[in-house]
């Protein structure tokens, strides 16, 4: 279990415990594997969300920029935000 934890910490997101022990140590190994799976899912979701945000910004920026330059601080809510809601994707 120590090897799996050290490998996971070093970036090997496929690292899991091997074998099962009885009692509390076995429960700990199962909990580690569950935690590792949750971390991997969370990282995947974060990457997906970041890519989605980048795509949306890239798509909307050319329409927003000419109208937002004078008041850039309110761009997202004043023009781009309302325009994005009113326009089909």
C-alpha atoms as a PDB file:
ATOM      1  CA  UNK A   1       0.000   0.000   0.000  1.00  0.00           C
ATOM      2  CA  UNK A   2       2.891   2.356   0.706  1.00  0.00           C
ATOM      3  CA  UNK A   3       4.220   1.821  -2.829  1.00  0.00           C
ATOM      4  CA  UNK A   4       0.809   2.605  -4.319  1.00  0.00           C
ATOM      5  CA  UNK A   5       0.486   5.788  -2.258  1.00  0.00           C
ATOM      6  CA  UNK A   6       3.988   6.971  -3.174  1.00  0.00           C
ATOM      7  CA  UNK A   7       3.435   6.220  -6.860  1.00  0.00           C
ATOM      8  CA  UNK A   8       0.101   8.048  -6.826  1.00  0.00           C
ATOM      9  CA  UNK A   9       1.692  11.034  -5.101  1.00  0.00           C
ATOM     10  CA  UNK A  10       4.428  11.073  -7.750  1.00  0.00           C
ATOM     11  CA  UNK A  11       1.811  11.343 -10.489  1.00  0.00           C
ATOM     12  CA  UNK A  12       0.980   7.756 -11.437  1.00  0.00           C
ATOM     13  CA  UNK A  13      -2.796   8.092 -11.474  1.00  0.00           C
ATOM     14  CA  UNK A  14      -3.199   4.395 -12.371  1.00  0.00           C
ATOM     15  CA  UNK A  15      -1.513   3.256  -9.169  1.00  0.00           C
ATOM     16  CA  UNK A  16      -3.737   1.148  -6.931  1.00  0.00           C
ATOM     17  CA  UNK A  17      -3.154  -1.231  -4.067  1.00  0.00           C
ATOM     18  CA  UNK A  18      -2.612  -4.907  -4.864  1.00  0.00           C
ATOM     19  CA  UNK A  19      -3.926  -7.792  -2.858  1.00  0.00           C
ATOM     20  CA  UNK A  20      -6.261  -7.550   0.068  1.00  0.00           C
ATOM     21  CA  UNK A  21      -5.534  -7.914   3.740  1.00  0.00           C
ATOM     22  CA  UNK A  22      -8.118  -8.826   6.329  1.00  0.00           C
ATOM     23  CA  UNK A  23      -9.468  -6.287   8.767  1.00  0.00           C
ATOM     24  CA  UNK A  24      -8.647  -2.638   9.044  1.00  0.00           C
ATOM     25  CA  UNK A  25      -5.616  -2.745   6.727  1.00  0.00           C
ATOM     26  CA  UNK A  26      -7.770  -4.240   3.968  1.00  0.00           C
ATOM     27  CA  UNK A  27     -10.408  -1.570   4.588  1.00  0.00           C
ATOM     28  CA  UNK A  28      -7.711   1.084   4.303  1.00  0.00           C
ATOM     29  CA  UNK A  29      -6.552  -0.341   0.964  1.00  0.00           C
ATOM     30  CA  UNK A  30     -10.110  -0.245  -0.391  1.00  0.00           C
ATOM     31  CA  UNK A  31     -10.513   3.338   0.877  1.00  0.00           C
ATOM     32  CA  UNK A  32      -7.240   4.337  -0.825  1.00  0.00           C
ATOM     33  CA  UNK A  33      -8.383   2.868  -4.144  1.00  0.00           C
ATOM     34  CA  UNK A  34     -11.753   4.634  -3.836  1.00  0.00           C
ATOM     35  CA  UNK A  35      -9.991   7.915  -3.072  1.00  0.00           C
ATOM     36  CA  UNK A  36      -7.644   7.466  -6.033  1.00  0.00           C
ATOM     37  CA  UNK A  37     -10.620   6.861  -8.335  1.00  0.00           C
ATOM     38  CA  UNK A  38     -12.308  10.018  -7.016  1.00  0.00           C
ATOM     39  CA  UNK A  39      -9.168  12.097  -7.600  1.00  0.00           C
ATOM     40  CA  UNK A  40      -8.890  10.812 -11.172  1.00  0.00           C
ATOM     41  CA  UNK A  41     -12.565  11.638 -11.850  1.00  0.00           C
ATOM     42  CA  UNK A  42     -12.142  15.093 -10.332  1.00  0.00           C
ATOM     43  CA  UNK A  43      -9.071  15.850 -12.445  1.00  0.00           C
ATOM     44  CA  UNK A  44     -10.884  14.655 -15.596  1.00  0.00           C
ATOM     45  CA  UNK A  45     -13.901  16.833 -14.781  1.00  0.00           C
ATOM     46  CA  UNK A  46     -11.661  19.852 -14.153  1.00  0.00           C
ATOM     47  CA  UNK A  47      -9.893  19.399 -17.494  1.00  0.00           C
ATOM     48  CA  UNK A  48     -13.232  19.055 -19.275  1.00  0.00           C
ATOM     49  CA  UNK A  49     -14.637  22.163 -17.611  1.00  0.00           C
ATOM     50  CA  UNK A  50     -11.497  24.186 -18.401  1.00  0.00           C
ATOM     51  CA  UNK A  51     -11.667  23.142 -22.057  1.00  0.00           C
ATOM     52  CA  UNK A  52     -15.366  24.058 -22.212  1.00  0.00           C
ATOM     53  CA  UNK A  53     -14.719  27.498 -20.727  1.00  0.00           C
ATOM     54  CA  UNK A  54     -11.835  28.119 -23.130  1.00  0.00           C
ATOM     55  CA  UNK A  55     -13.999  27.112 -26.107  1.00  0.00           C
ATOM     56  CA  UNK A  56     -16.842  29.384 -25.007  1.00  0.00           C
ATOM     57  CA  UNK A  57     -14.515  32.334 -24.466  1.00  0.00           C
ATOM     58  CA  UNK A  58     -12.840  31.825 -27.836  1.00  0.00           C
ATOM     59  CA  UNK A  59     -16.227  31.644 -29.566  1.00  0.00           C
ATOM     60  CA  UNK A  60     -17.689  34.742 -27.874  1.00  0.00           C
ATOM     61  CA  UNK A  61     -14.620  36.969 -27.677  1.00  0.00           C
ATOM     62  CA  UNK A  62     -14.629  38.212 -31.308  1.00  0.00           C
ATOM     63  CA  UNK A  63     -18.243  39.394 -30.917  1.00  0.00           C
ATOM     64  CA  UNK A  64     -17.714  40.957 -27.503  1.00  0.00           C
ATOM     65  CA  UNK A  65     -14.378  42.716 -27.843  1.00  0.00           C
ATOM     66  CA  UNK A  66     -15.354  45.577 -30.202  1.00  0.00           C
ATOM     67  CA  UNK A  67     -18.257  46.592 -27.949  1.00  0.00           C
ATOM     68  CA  UNK A  68     -16.450  46.030 -24.652  1.00  0.00           C
ATOM     69  CA  UNK A  69     -13.201  47.916 -25.087  1.00  0.00           C
ATOM     70  CA  UNK A  70     -14.447  51.233 -23.676  1.00  0.00           C
ATOM     71  CA  UNK A  71     -15.950  49.591 -20.594  1.00  0.00           C
ATOM     72  CA  UNK A  72     -14.074  46.308 -20.384  1.00  0.00           C
ATOM     73  CA  UNK A  73     -14.779  45.854 -16.681  1.00  0.00           C
ATOM     74  CA  UNK A  74     -18.484  45.318 -17.330  1.00  0.00           C
ATOM     75  CA  UNK A  75     -18.061  43.382 -20.559  1.00  0.00           C
ATOM     76  CA  UNK A  76     -19.213  39.971 -19.399  1.00  0.00           C
ATOM     77  CA  UNK A  77     -22.370  41.206 -17.729  1.00  0.00           C
ATOM     78  CA  UNK A  78     -23.324  44.234 -19.834  1.00  0.00           C
ATOM     79  CA  UNK A  79     -22.949  43.100 -23.377  1.00  0.00           C
ATOM     80  CA  UNK A  80     -21.360  39.704 -23.751  1.00  0.00           C
ATOM     81  CA  UNK A  81     -23.411  38.109 -21.022  1.00  0.00           C
ATOM     82  CA  UNK A  82     -26.758  39.285 -22.359  1.00  0.00           C
ATOM     83  CA  UNK A  83     -25.719  38.660 -25.959  1.00  0.00           C
ATOM     84  CA  UNK A  84     -24.570  35.145 -25.087  1.00  0.00           C
ATOM     85  CA  UNK A  85     -27.911  34.382 -23.451  1.00  0.00           C
ATOM     86  CA  UNK A  86     -29.897  35.805 -26.381  1.00  0.00           C
ATOM     87  CA  UNK A  87     -27.877  34.064 -29.106  1.00  0.00           C
ATOM     88  CA  UNK A  88     -28.171  30.414 -30.013  1.00  0.00           C
ATOM     89  CA  UNK A  89     -24.999  28.447 -29.377  1.00  0.00           C
END
